[in-house]
């Protein structure tokens, strides 16, 4: 990498490891021309020591106070710990150590601040995301410039750094809106299928090589905003979906099956909660199809009882209108899980509640 000769017309982002040393490795990358992770990590330890020694050279208690420490010796011990981040005080000390202006562009404020020690001979640009520092290098001239001359066009380059910050924020927002779902990938042909049953069907339908061992591995499928959800899955953040959690407090009015406000009877037995009924020995040992029917009977029995009306539980169900009801629960039969924002699970309780809701609405 070249240093201070030539002229850059734009900036480009380079990346260093996100290991709490990033301010120090960024400065070493830009000012010392280092590239390898091993060299950068060693430089980070050395630059931490530079900051420590700069503070120890001025044992004024006020300086320690401004650094957030009781004494300069406390700061000395703190800054040498590699799990501690560098901040504005370290930016200033590193600018002085290298004799450069540091232009720091924040993704949080979309502004650039310049730290200019007396006698600086060059300028470097750094991007701060709010959690991480990365180097910005000059491009568009004769090669890549890690240090730029002081007569380089500061305003236009700083504006370019702000644009890079905007791009970073847009990418963060795009990833925030992504949804993730677990799938199985066939070890023979690479096909992606939904679950074990689908993989077994795939193996029976698709011809594979003679050495195929009927193996698969779990993979993560990433969906961007606007991508269609896989069949049978629910967007839990959609406006037409009402989610509820079975872990709600028992005494609160909710669609959770542990709600105690509407005790009911079914099959000659009394139950304090829907959970007591569904978890009873009479239901848990039933075949899946019979369990679905039993959950439906239990929900109907609870929501048609007098206590459901007097407690407001029935009204709570009807107030959900025609929304999809999604029961968030670790039990894949009764509810669904929401890892990655995409549902997985049968949602049997949610389906039963929707069916009973329709019956109650039709009867009114």
Foldseek 3Di string as FASTA:
>chain_A
DDAADKAFDEKDWDDDDLQLLQVQLQLCCLQVVDDDNVVSVVSSLVLLQLLLVVLVVPFPQVVCVVVVHRTSVVSNVVSNPSNHHDDDSSVLSSCVVRLEWEWEAELVVLATDIRHDPRRFWYFYWYHDPRHITGMWGDDIDDIYSTYGPPHDVVSHSNNSSVVSVVVVVVVVQQVQKFKDKWKAQPFPRDTHRDDVRLVVVPVPDDGDPPRPSDIDIDMDIDTPPDDDPPPKDQCPDPLEDEDELPPDQPDQDLRQSPQQFWFDDPRDTDRTNVCQLPDPVQPPDPLVVNLVSLLRSLLGRCPDPSCVVVCNVVVLLVSPQGQYAYDDPPQACGWHQVRSMTGGDNSNSVSSNVSSVVVVVVD
